[in-house]
PDB file of N, CA and C in Angstrom:
ATOM      1  N   MET A   1     -11.375 -38.007 -15.316  1.00  0.00           N
ATOM      2  CA  MET A   1     -10.661 -36.883 -14.736  1.00  0.00           C
ATOM      3  C   MET A   1      -9.225 -37.305 -14.426  1.00  0.00           C
ATOM      4  N   ILE A   2      -8.311 -36.387 -14.576  1.00  0.00           N
ATOM      5  CA  ILE A   2      -6.900 -36.671 -14.326  1.00  0.00           C
ATOM      6  C   ILE A   2      -6.673 -36.724 -12.818  1.00  0.00           C
ATOM      7  N   ASP A   3      -5.915 -37.701 -12.384  1.00  0.00           N
ATOM      8  CA  ASP A   3      -5.606 -37.855 -10.964  1.00  0.00           C
ATOM      9  C   ASP A   3      -4.547 -36.818 -10.572  1.00  0.00           C
ATOM     10  N   GLN A   4      -4.893 -35.909  -9.658  1.00  0.00           N
ATOM     11  CA  GLN A   4      -3.983 -34.843  -9.238  1.00  0.00           C
ATOM     12  C   GLN A   4      -3.102 -35.316  -8.070  1.00  0.00           C
ATOM     13  N   GLU A   5      -1.973 -34.669  -7.905  1.00  0.00           N
ATOM     14  CA  GLU A   5      -1.098 -34.966  -6.775  1.00  0.00           C
ATOM     15  C   GLU A   5      -1.758 -34.503  -5.487  1.00  0.00           C
ATOM     16  N   PHE A   6      -1.315 -35.096  -4.381  1.00  0.00           N
ATOM     17  CA  PHE A   6      -1.818 -34.696  -3.074  1.00  0.00           C
ATOM     18  C   PHE A   6      -1.355 -33.260  -2.783  1.00  0.00           C
ATOM     19  N   GLY A   7      -2.266 -32.407  -2.362  1.00  0.00           N
ATOM     20  CA  GLY A   7      -1.936 -31.018  -2.033  1.00  0.00           C
ATOM     21  C   GLY A   7      -1.972 -30.083  -3.220  1.00  0.00           C
ATOM     22  N   TYR A   8      -2.389 -30.550  -4.372  1.00  0.00           N
ATOM     23  CA  TYR A   8      -2.397 -29.705  -5.570  1.00  0.00           C
ATOM     24  C   TYR A   8      -3.362 -28.530  -5.408  1.00  0.00           C
ATOM     25  N   GLU A   9      -4.573 -28.807  -4.902  1.00  0.00           N
ATOM     26  CA  GLU A   9      -5.561 -27.728  -4.734  1.00  0.00           C
ATOM     27  C   GLU A   9      -5.069 -26.689  -3.721  1.00  0.00           C
ATOM     28  N   GLU A  10      -4.493 -27.147  -2.619  1.00  0.00           N
ATOM     29  CA  GLU A  10      -3.996 -26.214  -1.615  1.00  0.00           C
ATOM     30  C   GLU A  10      -2.879 -25.343  -2.186  1.00  0.00           C
ATOM     31  N   GLU A  11      -2.045 -25.933  -3.007  1.00  0.00           N
ATOM     32  CA  GLU A  11      -0.962 -25.191  -3.620  1.00  0.00           C
ATOM     33  C   GLU A  11      -1.509 -24.109  -4.541  1.00  0.00           C
ATOM     34  N   LYS A  12      -2.540 -24.430  -5.296  1.00  0.00           N
ATOM     35  CA  LYS A  12      -3.121 -23.461  -6.222  1.00  0.00           C
ATOM     36  C   LYS A  12      -3.805 -22.311  -5.472  1.00  0.00           C
ATOM     37  N   LEU A  13      -4.406 -22.604  -4.320  1.00  0.00           N
ATOM     38  CA  LEU A  13      -5.188 -21.601  -3.608  1.00  0.00           C
ATOM     39  C   LEU A  13      -4.383 -20.823  -2.574  1.00  0.00           C
ATOM     40  N   SER A  14      -3.185 -21.280  -2.218  1.00  0.00           N
ATOM     41  CA  SER A  14      -2.461 -20.686  -1.100  1.00  0.00           C
ATOM     42  C   SER A  14      -1.967 -19.277  -1.403  1.00  0.00           C
ATOM     43  N   GLY A  15      -1.719 -18.933  -2.639  1.00  0.00           N
ATOM     44  CA  GLY A  15      -1.169 -17.618  -2.964  1.00  0.00           C
ATOM     45  C   GLY A  15      -2.175 -16.500  -2.891  1.00  0.00           C
ATOM     46  N   GLY A  16      -3.453 -16.802  -2.773  1.00  0.00           N
ATOM     47  CA  GLY A  16      -4.484 -15.777  -2.800  1.00  0.00           C
ATOM     48  C   GLY A  16      -4.348 -14.746  -1.702  1.00  0.00           C
ATOM     49  N   ALA A  17      -4.182 -15.200  -0.466  1.00  0.00           N
ATOM     50  CA  ALA A  17      -4.089 -14.272   0.659  1.00  0.00           C
ATOM     51  C   ALA A  17      -2.818 -13.438   0.566  1.00  0.00           C
ATOM     52  N   VAL A  18      -1.732 -14.053   0.165  1.00  0.00           N
ATOM     53  CA  VAL A  18      -0.471 -13.330   0.038  1.00  0.00           C
ATOM     54  C   VAL A  18      -0.569 -12.306  -1.083  1.00  0.00           C
ATOM     55  N   TYR A  19      -1.161 -12.699  -2.190  1.00  0.00           N
ATOM     56  CA  TYR A  19      -1.327 -11.796  -3.326  1.00  0.00           C
ATOM     57  C   TYR A  19      -2.219 -10.619  -2.943  1.00  0.00           C
ATOM     58  N   GLU A  20      -3.316 -10.914  -2.248  1.00  0.00           N
ATOM     59  CA  GLU A  20      -4.249  -9.856  -1.844  1.00  0.00           C
ATOM     60  C   GLU A  20      -3.571  -8.875  -0.895  1.00  0.00           C
ATOM     61  N   LEU A  21      -2.772  -9.378   0.038  1.00  0.00           N
ATOM     62  CA  LEU A  21      -2.054  -8.508   0.962  1.00  0.00           C
ATOM     63  C   LEU A  21      -1.083  -7.606   0.205  1.00  0.00           C
ATOM     64  N   GLY A  22      -0.403  -8.167  -0.796  1.00  0.00           N
ATOM     65  CA  GLY A  22       0.524  -7.373  -1.595  1.00  0.00           C
ATOM     66  C   GLY A  22      -0.179  -6.283  -2.379  1.00  0.00           C
ATOM     67  N   VAL A  23      -1.338  -6.603  -2.926  1.00  0.00           N
ATOM     68  CA  VAL A  23      -2.104  -5.616  -3.689  1.00  0.00           C
ATOM     69  C   VAL A  23      -2.583  -4.499  -2.765  1.00  0.00           C
ATOM     70  N   ASN A  24      -3.099  -4.866  -1.598  1.00  0.00           N
ATOM     71  CA  ASN A  24      -3.583  -3.852  -0.659  1.00  0.00           C
ATOM     72  C   ASN A  24      -2.452  -2.957  -0.173  1.00  0.00           C
ATOM     73  N   THR A  25      -1.297  -3.543   0.095  1.00  0.00           N
ATOM     74  CA  THR A  25      -0.141  -2.754   0.526  1.00  0.00           C
ATOM     75  C   THR A  25       0.304  -1.803  -0.571  1.00  0.00           C
ATOM     76  N   SER A  26       0.309  -2.283  -1.795  1.00  0.00           N
ATOM     77  CA  SER A  26       0.703  -1.442  -2.923  1.00  0.00           C
ATOM     78  C   SER A  26      -0.249  -0.265  -3.087  1.00  0.00           C
ATOM     79  N   LYS A  27      -1.549  -0.513  -2.988  1.00  0.00           N
ATOM     80  CA  LYS A  27      -2.538   0.565  -3.107  1.00  0.00           C
ATOM     81  C   LYS A  27      -2.381   1.571  -1.979  1.00  0.00           C
ATOM     82  N   HIS A  28      -2.101   1.067  -0.776  1.00  0.00           N
ATOM     83  CA  HIS A  28      -1.915   1.938   0.384  1.00  0.00           C
ATOM     84  C   HIS A  28      -0.727   2.875   0.165  1.00  0.00           C
ATOM     85  N   HIS A  29       0.406   2.314  -0.258  1.00  0.00           N
ATOM     86  CA  HIS A  29       1.599   3.129  -0.474  1.00  0.00           C
ATOM     87  C   HIS A  29       1.424   4.095  -1.633  1.00  0.00           C
ATOM     88  N   LYS A  30       0.697   3.676  -2.657  1.00  0.00           N
ATOM     89  CA  LYS A  30       0.452   4.565  -3.799  1.00  0.00           C
ATOM     90  C   LYS A  30      -0.420   5.743  -3.380  1.00  0.00           C
ATOM     91  N   ALA A  31      -1.424   5.484  -2.542  1.00  0.00           N
ATOM     92  CA  ALA A  31      -2.300   6.559  -2.061  1.00  0.00           C
ATOM     93  C   ALA A  31      -1.523   7.551  -1.209  1.00  0.00           C
ATOM     94  N   ILE A  32      -0.651   7.061  -0.358  1.00  0.00           N
ATOM     95  CA  ILE A  32       0.162   7.951   0.474  1.00  0.00           C
ATOM     96  C   ILE A  32       1.105   8.771  -0.400  1.00  0.00           C
ATOM     97  N   GLY A  33       1.660   8.149  -1.420  1.00  0.00           N
ATOM     98  CA  GLY A  33       2.533   8.883  -2.344  1.00  0.00           C
ATOM     99  C   GLY A  33       1.797   9.989  -3.070  1.00  0.00           C
ATOM    100  N   ARG A  34       0.556   9.730  -3.439  1.00  0.00           N
ATOM    101  CA  ARG A  34      -0.243  10.770  -4.112  1.00  0.00           C
ATOM    102  C   ARG A  34      -0.540  11.935  -3.185  1.00  0.00           C
ATOM    103  N   ILE A  35      -0.744  11.644  -1.901  1.00  0.00           N
ATOM    104  CA  ILE A  35      -0.984  12.714  -0.937  1.00  0.00           C
ATOM    105  C   ILE A  35       0.307  13.498  -0.689  1.00  0.00           C
ATOM    106  N   ALA A  36       1.440  12.806  -0.642  1.00  0.00           N
ATOM    107  CA  ALA A  36       2.714  13.440  -0.294  1.00  0.00           C
ATOM    108  C   ALA A  36       3.288  14.290  -1.418  1.00  0.00           C
ATOM    109  N   GLU A  37       3.004  13.931  -2.655  1.00  0.00           N
ATOM    110  CA  GLU A  37       3.627  14.631  -3.781  1.00  0.00           C
ATOM    111  C   GLU A  37       3.327  16.125  -3.817  1.00  0.00           C
ATOM    112  N   PRO A  38       2.058  16.564  -3.709  1.00  0.00           N
ATOM    113  CA  PRO A  38       1.814  18.015  -3.720  1.00  0.00           C
ATOM    114  C   PRO A  38       2.425  18.731  -2.513  1.00  0.00           C
ATOM    115  N   MET A  39       2.475  18.055  -1.367  1.00  0.00           N
ATOM    116  CA  MET A  39       3.089  18.677  -0.196  1.00  0.00           C
ATOM    117  C   MET A  39       4.573  18.886  -0.422  1.00  0.00           C
ATOM    118  N   MET A  40       5.226  17.930  -1.068  1.00  0.00           N
ATOM    119  CA  MET A  40       6.658  18.093  -1.343  1.00  0.00           C
ATOM    120  C   MET A  40       6.895  19.280  -2.258  1.00  0.00           C
ATOM    121  N   GLN A  41       6.067  19.424  -3.269  1.00  0.00           N
ATOM    122  CA  GLN A  41       6.263  20.521  -4.222  1.00  0.00           C
ATOM    123  C   GLN A  41       5.972  21.880  -3.589  1.00  0.00           C
ATOM    124  N   LYS A  42       4.929  21.945  -2.766  1.00  0.00           N
ATOM    125  CA  LYS A  42       4.508  23.232  -2.226  1.00  0.00           C
ATOM    126  C   LYS A  42       5.327  23.661  -1.013  1.00  0.00           C
ATOM    127  N   HIS A  43       5.471  22.758  -0.039  1.00  0.00           N
ATOM    128  CA  HIS A  43       6.060  23.166   1.237  1.00  0.00           C
ATOM    129  C   HIS A  43       7.541  22.857   1.357  1.00  0.00           C
ATOM    130  N   TRP A  44       7.978  21.738   0.794  1.00  0.00           N
ATOM    131  CA  TRP A  44       9.365  21.321   0.999  1.00  0.00           C
ATOM    132  C   TRP A  44      10.199  21.450  -0.268  1.00  0.00           C
ATOM    133  N   HIS A  45       9.627  21.929  -1.332  1.00  0.00           N
ATOM    134  CA  HIS A  45      10.334  22.225  -2.574  1.00  0.00           C
ATOM    135  C   HIS A  45      11.154  21.048  -3.079  1.00  0.00           C
ATOM    136  N   ASP A  46      10.580  19.843  -2.979  1.00  0.00           N
ATOM    137  CA  ASP A  46      11.183  18.606  -3.497  1.00  0.00           C
ATOM    138  C   ASP A  46      12.540  18.275  -2.866  1.00  0.00           C
ATOM    139  N   LYS A  47      12.772  18.696  -1.641  1.00  0.00           N
ATOM    140  CA  LYS A  47      14.011  18.336  -0.955  1.00  0.00           C
ATOM    141  C   LYS A  47      13.818  16.985  -0.273  1.00  0.00           C
ATOM    142  N   VAL A  48      14.800  16.138  -0.350  1.00  0.00           N
ATOM    143  CA  VAL A  48      14.696  14.787   0.192  1.00  0.00           C
ATOM    144  C   VAL A  48      14.984  14.760   1.687  1.00  0.00           C
ATOM    145  N   THR A  49      15.519  15.844   2.235  1.00  0.00           N
ATOM    146  CA  THR A  49      15.937  15.840   3.640  1.00  0.00           C
ATOM    147  C   THR A  49      14.763  15.612   4.586  1.00  0.00           C
ATOM    148  N   ASN A  50      13.586  16.066   4.236  1.00  0.00           N
ATOM    149  CA  ASN A  50      12.422  15.927   5.110  1.00  0.00           C
ATOM    150  C   ASN A  50      11.456  14.849   4.623  1.00  0.00           C
ATOM    151  N   LEU A  51      11.948  13.920   3.838  1.00  0.00           N
ATOM    152  CA  LEU A  51      11.072  12.925   3.226  1.00  0.00           C
ATOM    153  C   LEU A  51      10.314  12.103   4.261  1.00  0.00           C
ATOM    154  N   HIS A  52      10.991  11.699   5.329  1.00  0.00           N
ATOM    155  CA  HIS A  52      10.330  10.906   6.359  1.00  0.00           C
ATOM    156  C   HIS A  52       9.183  11.682   6.990  1.00  0.00           C
ATOM    157  N   ARG A  53       9.408  12.960   7.267  1.00  0.00           N
ATOM    158  CA  ARG A  53       8.375  13.795   7.873  1.00  0.00           C
ATOM    159  C   ARG A  53       7.193  13.974   6.929  1.00  0.00           C
ATOM    160  N   ILE A  54       7.465  14.155   5.655  1.00  0.00           N
ATOM    161  CA  ILE A  54       6.406  14.331   4.666  1.00  0.00           C
ATOM    162  C   ILE A  54       5.522  13.093   4.618  1.00  0.00           C
ATOM    163  N   TYR A  55       6.151  11.926   4.593  1.00  0.00           N
ATOM    164  CA  TYR A  55       5.372  10.699   4.507  1.00  0.00           C
ATOM    165  C   TYR A  55       4.618  10.411   5.790  1.00  0.00           C
ATOM    166  N   ARG A  56       5.134  10.840   6.934  1.00  0.00           N
ATOM    167  CA  ARG A  56       4.394  10.678   8.187  1.00  0.00           C
ATOM    168  C   ARG A  56       3.129  11.542   8.171  1.00  0.00           C
ATOM    169  N   VAL A  57       3.237  12.756   7.678  1.00  0.00           N
ATOM    170  CA  VAL A  57       2.075  13.639   7.566  1.00  0.00           C
ATOM    171  C   VAL A  57       1.078  13.055   6.569  1.00  0.00           C
ATOM    172  N   ALA A  58       1.575  12.546   5.451  1.00  0.00           N
ATOM    173  CA  ALA A  58       0.692  11.943   4.445  1.00  0.00           C
ATOM    174  C   ALA A  58      -0.010  10.715   5.010  1.00  0.00           C
ATOM    175  N   GLU A  59       0.694   9.901   5.798  1.00  0.00           N
ATOM    176  CA  GLU A  59       0.095   8.732   6.435  1.00  0.00           C
ATOM    177  C   GLU A  59      -1.036   9.152   7.375  1.00  0.00           C
ATOM    178  N   TYR A  60      -0.803  10.217   8.147  1.00  0.00           N
ATOM    179  CA  TYR A  60      -1.826  10.724   9.047  1.00  0.00           C
ATOM    180  C   TYR A  60      -3.056  11.199   8.268  1.00  0.00           C
ATOM    181  N   LEU A  61      -2.816  11.946   7.199  1.00  0.00           N
ATOM    182  CA  LEU A  61      -3.935  12.440   6.397  1.00  0.00           C
ATOM    183  C   LEU A  61      -4.712  11.299   5.753  1.00  0.00           C
ATOM    184  N   TYR A  62      -4.009  10.269   5.317  1.00  0.00           N
ATOM    185  CA  TYR A  62      -4.666   9.103   4.715  1.00  0.00           C
ATOM    186  C   TYR A  62      -5.552   8.390   5.731  1.00  0.00           C
ATOM    187  N   LYS A  63      -5.017   8.192   6.945  1.00  0.00           N
ATOM    188  CA  LYS A  63      -5.818   7.549   7.997  1.00  0.00           C
ATOM    189  C   LYS A  63      -7.012   8.406   8.367  1.00  0.00           C
ATOM    190  N   ARG A  64      -6.820   9.716   8.389  1.00  0.00           N
ATOM    191  CA  ARG A  64      -7.906  10.616   8.757  1.00  0.00           C
ATOM    192  C   ARG A  64      -9.022  10.604   7.706  1.00  0.00           C
ATOM    193  N   GLN A  65      -8.656  10.458   6.440  1.00  0.00           N
ATOM    194  CA  GLN A  65      -9.666  10.376   5.379  1.00  0.00           C
ATOM    195  C   GLN A  65     -10.538   9.139   5.532  1.00  0.00           C
ATOM    196  N   ARG A  66      -9.970   8.066   6.072  1.00  0.00           N
ATOM    197  CA  ARG A  66     -10.669   6.791   6.175  1.00  0.00           C
ATOM    198  C   ARG A  66     -11.483   6.649   7.454  1.00  0.00           C
ATOM    199  N   ARG A  67     -11.425   7.637   8.341  1.00  0.00           N
ATOM    200  CA  ARG A  67     -12.164   7.557   9.603  1.00  0.00           C
ATOM    201  C   ARG A  67     -13.660   7.565   9.391  1.00  0.00           C
ATOM    202  N   THR A  68     -14.354   6.861  10.262  1.00  0.00           N
ATOM    203  CA  THR A  68     -15.819   6.949  10.238  1.00  0.00           C
ATOM    204  C   THR A  68     -16.227   8.174  11.041  1.00  0.00           C
ATOM    205  N   ARG A  69     -17.249   8.819  10.590  1.00  0.00           N
ATOM    206  CA  ARG A  69     -17.657  10.063  11.266  1.00  0.00           C
ATOM    207  C   ARG A  69     -18.846   9.850  12.133  1.00  0.00           C
TER     208      ARG A  69
END
């Protein structure tokens, strides 16, 4: 077997948690965007002025979907 440098295994495994967090964050933001898109078209007519409010409502709806009943 080839002699590895000290810390080689830790270096290979350290990115897992960071990568997983990035993937989960990306999925979260994508889900909120999917919820917000129809609301923008229907209620706000694709105006950017209320974008923060739209995403806050979408965030609330996303959290509400994930609640245990």
